[in-house]
Amino acid sequence: MLDKVLGGLVWSGGMDAVEELRAAGERGDAEAVAGLLADDVVFHSPLTDRVTFEGRDEVVALHRDIFAVLEDVRTSAPLEHGDSYAFSFRARVRGAELEAMNLVRLDEQGLIAELTVFVRPLPSLATLFANLPPRVSARRRGPVVGGLVACLAVPLAFAFRTADRLAPRFL
């Protein structure tokens, strides 16, 4: 990919995949994400380090689930360092505003080889945890397992949202 010069800034060809990822995220378009991913892409969850999602098909399916629970995704301009890029985004999940950072590593062909996401604040992360894993579990393991995951996750989200409202009064 050729480098582009925009307003005196050098924009590497690899940035194209990141820009397209940002645009797909803002549209909630998981199918557009598919064309940006390497076959052996790895997605590192913001919810646990015990689960990674591997392969284009699984990461695209995960993005369908993500886009089903996130609303009003707005992304920032990316930063670049070598084959790695970072950009933030804001979105809502069940009315809770969240802020996240995406780290994206590209392979030699300019395709996304690795995605890592970090989310804050904790109550919003907990709300995401109460909504996304049950959906993913139901898709991968069936509705009974999805329901079980929801039974475990929903009380945590409630507890963290409640603590977030009360704890600052004591700080």
Protein backbone atom coordinates (compact mmCIF):
# COMPACT_ATOMS: atom_id res chain seq x y z
CA MET A 1 0.00 0.00 0.00
CA LEU A 2 1.28 3.44 -0.85
CA ASP A 3 1.74 6.15 1.72
CA LYS A 4 -0.53 9.15 1.47
CA VAL A 5 0.42 12.65 2.51
CA LEU A 6 -2.52 14.49 4.06
CA GLY A 7 -2.00 18.04 5.24
CA GLY A 8 1.71 17.40 5.83
CA LEU A 9 1.06 14.21 7.84
CA VAL A 10 2.18 10.84 6.54
CA TRP A 11 -0.64 8.35 6.58
CA SER A 12 0.63 4.83 5.99
CA GLY A 13 -1.30 2.36 3.89
CA GLY A 14 -1.89 0.23 7.00
CA MET A 15 -3.98 3.04 8.37
CA ASP A 16 -6.59 2.19 5.71
CA ALA A 17 -7.65 -0.97 7.57
CA VAL A 18 -7.85 0.94 10.84
CA GLU A 19 -9.90 3.74 9.27
CA GLU A 20 -12.23 1.15 7.73
CA LEU A 21 -12.52 -0.61 11.11
CA ARG A 22 -13.48 2.68 12.77
CA ALA A 23 -16.08 3.39 10.09
CA ALA A 24 -17.51 -0.14 10.34
CA GLY A 25 -17.73 0.25 14.12
CA GLU A 26 -19.59 3.54 13.84
CA ARG A 27 -22.04 1.92 11.39
CA GLY A 28 -22.29 -1.30 13.42
CA ASP A 29 -21.32 -3.26 10.31
CA ALA A 30 -19.74 -6.61 11.25
CA GLU A 31 -19.72 -7.77 7.63
CA ALA A 32 -17.45 -4.86 6.69
CA VAL A 33 -15.08 -5.90 9.50
CA ALA A 34 -14.72 -9.35 7.86
CA GLY A 35 -12.77 -8.00 4.89
CA LEU A 36 -10.25 -6.31 7.19
CA LEU A 37 -9.27 -9.40 9.18
CA ALA A 38 -6.46 -11.87 8.66
CA ASP A 39 -7.60 -15.52 8.56
CA ASP A 40 -5.88 -16.20 11.90
CA VAL A 41 -6.91 -12.96 13.65
CA VAL A 42 -7.02 -13.01 17.47
CA PHE A 43 -9.40 -10.85 19.55
CA HIS A 44 -8.48 -10.32 23.22
CA SER A 45 -11.58 -9.63 25.30
CA PRO A 46 -11.87 -6.63 27.63
CA LEU A 47 -13.95 -8.81 29.96
CA THR A 48 -11.52 -11.63 30.77
CA ASP A 49 -8.08 -12.84 29.82
CA ARG A 50 -9.37 -16.42 30.01
CA VAL A 51 -11.09 -16.22 26.63
CA THR A 52 -9.75 -15.15 23.26
CA PHE A 53 -11.61 -15.31 19.98
CA GLU A 54 -9.60 -16.74 17.10
CA GLY A 55 -10.15 -16.84 13.37
CA ARG A 56 -12.01 -14.53 11.01
CA ASP A 57 -15.40 -16.28 11.31
CA GLU A 58 -15.41 -16.20 15.12
CA VAL A 59 -14.22 -12.58 15.32
CA VAL A 60 -16.86 -11.47 12.80
CA ALA A 61 -19.57 -13.32 14.77
CA LEU A 62 -18.29 -11.62 17.93
CA HIS A 63 -18.55 -8.23 16.22
CA ARG A 64 -22.18 -9.00 15.31
CA ASP A 65 -22.80 -9.58 19.03
CA ILE A 66 -20.85 -6.45 20.02
CA PHE A 67 -22.74 -4.26 17.56
CA ALA A 68 -26.04 -5.71 18.80
CA VAL A 69 -25.40 -4.43 22.35
CA LEU A 70 -23.52 -1.17 21.69
CA GLU A 71 -25.32 1.99 20.63
CA ASP A 72 -24.06 5.29 19.25
CA VAL A 73 -20.43 4.25 18.66
CA ARG A 74 -18.14 7.25 18.13
CA THR A 75 -14.43 6.77 17.43
CA SER A 76 -11.35 8.98 17.72
CA ALA A 77 -8.48 9.50 15.32
CA PRO A 78 -5.96 6.65 15.57
CA LEU A 79 -2.36 6.76 16.72
CA GLU A 80 0.28 4.72 14.93
CA HIS A 81 3.47 3.02 16.07
CA GLY A 82 5.04 0.57 13.61
CA ASP A 83 2.48 -2.12 12.76
CA SER A 84 0.28 -1.17 15.73
CA TYR A 85 -2.50 1.38 16.00
CA ALA A 86 -4.66 2.64 18.84
CA PHE A 87 -7.94 4.50 18.82
CA SER A 88 -10.58 5.14 21.40
CA PHE A 89 -14.32 4.96 21.11
CA ARG A 90 -17.33 5.93 23.15
CA ALA A 91 -20.65 4.10 23.07
CA ARG A 92 -23.65 3.26 25.21
CA VAL A 93 -24.72 -0.14 26.45
CA ARG A 94 -28.18 -0.20 28.04
CA GLY A 95 -27.90 3.55 28.66
CA ALA A 96 -24.51 3.31 30.38
CA GLU A 97 -21.83 5.42 28.68
CA LEU A 98 -18.57 3.57 28.17
CA GLU A 99 -15.18 4.56 26.91
CA ALA A 100 -12.81 2.07 25.31
CA MET A 101 -9.39 1.81 23.73
CA ASN A 102 -8.71 -0.49 20.78
CA LEU A 103 -5.20 -1.71 20.10
CA VAL A 104 -4.87 -3.08 16.57
CA ARG A 105 -1.88 -4.92 15.13
CA LEU A 106 -1.64 -5.46 11.38
CA ASP A 107 0.12 -8.25 9.50
CA GLU A 108 2.43 -7.81 6.49
CA GLN A 109 -0.56 -7.65 4.12
CA GLY A 110 -2.15 -4.78 6.06
CA LEU A 111 -4.88 -7.02 7.51
CA ILE A 112 -5.85 -6.96 11.17
CA ALA A 113 -3.96 -9.75 12.94
CA GLU A 114 -4.75 -8.86 16.54
CA LEU A 115 -7.32 -6.76 18.41
CA THR A 116 -7.21 -5.92 22.11
CA VAL A 117 -9.90 -3.81 23.78
CA PHE A 118 -9.85 -2.03 27.16
CA VAL A 119 -13.07 -0.57 28.65
CA ARG A 120 -13.86 1.90 31.43
CA PRO A 121 -15.51 2.94 33.75
CA LEU A 122 -16.16 -0.17 35.81
CA PRO A 123 -19.98 0.20 36.01
CA SER A 124 -20.15 0.44 32.21
CA LEU A 125 -17.80 -2.52 31.83
CA ALA A 126 -20.04 -4.47 34.22
CA THR A 127 -23.11 -3.51 32.16
CA LEU A 128 -21.31 -4.70 29.03
CA PHE A 129 -20.42 -7.90 30.93
CA ALA A 130 -24.10 -8.42 31.79
CA ASN A 131 -25.17 -8.07 28.15
CA LEU A 132 -22.42 -9.33 25.85
CA PRO A 133 -21.27 -12.68 27.36
CA PRO A 134 -24.83 -14.06 27.68
CA ARG A 135 -25.38 -13.29 24.00
CA VAL A 136 -22.03 -14.82 22.96
CA SER A 137 -22.63 -17.87 25.18
CA ALA A 138 -26.10 -18.40 23.74
CA ARG A 139 -24.69 -18.23 20.19
CA ARG A 140 -21.78 -20.57 20.92
CA ARG A 141 -23.23 -22.95 23.53
CA GLY A 142 -27.02 -22.55 23.36
CA PRO A 143 -29.71 -20.54 25.14
CA VAL A 144 -29.52 -22.45 28.43
CA VAL A 145 -25.83 -21.63 28.87
CA GLY A 146 -26.53 -18.05 27.78
CA GLY A 147 -29.20 -17.79 30.47
CA LEU A 148 -26.84 -19.20 33.09
CA VAL A 149 -24.17 -16.66 32.16
CA ALA A 150 -26.77 -13.90 32.43
CA CYS A 151 -27.74 -15.11 35.92
CA LEU A 152 -24.11 -14.78 36.97
CA ALA A 153 -23.35 -11.48 35.23
CA VAL A 154 -26.47 -9.34 35.79
CA PRO A 155 -26.10 -9.12 39.60
CA LEU A 156 -22.49 -7.99 39.19
CA ALA A 157 -23.56 -5.16 36.91
CA PHE A 158 -26.21 -4.09 39.41
CA ALA A 159 -23.68 -4.19 42.28
CA PHE A 160 -21.09 -2.11 40.41
CA ARG A 161 -23.64 0.48 39.23
CA THR A 162 -24.95 0.79 42.79
CA ALA A 163 -21.45 1.07 44.27
CA ASP A 164 -20.59 3.72 41.67
CA ARG A 165 -23.53 5.83 42.85
CA LEU A 166 -22.82 5.41 46.57
CA ALA A 167 -19.03 5.11 46.97
CA PRO A 168 -18.14 8.65 45.79
CA ARG A 169 -20.14 10.07 48.70
CA PHE A 170 -17.63 8.48 51.05
CA LEU A 171 -14.44 9.52 49.24
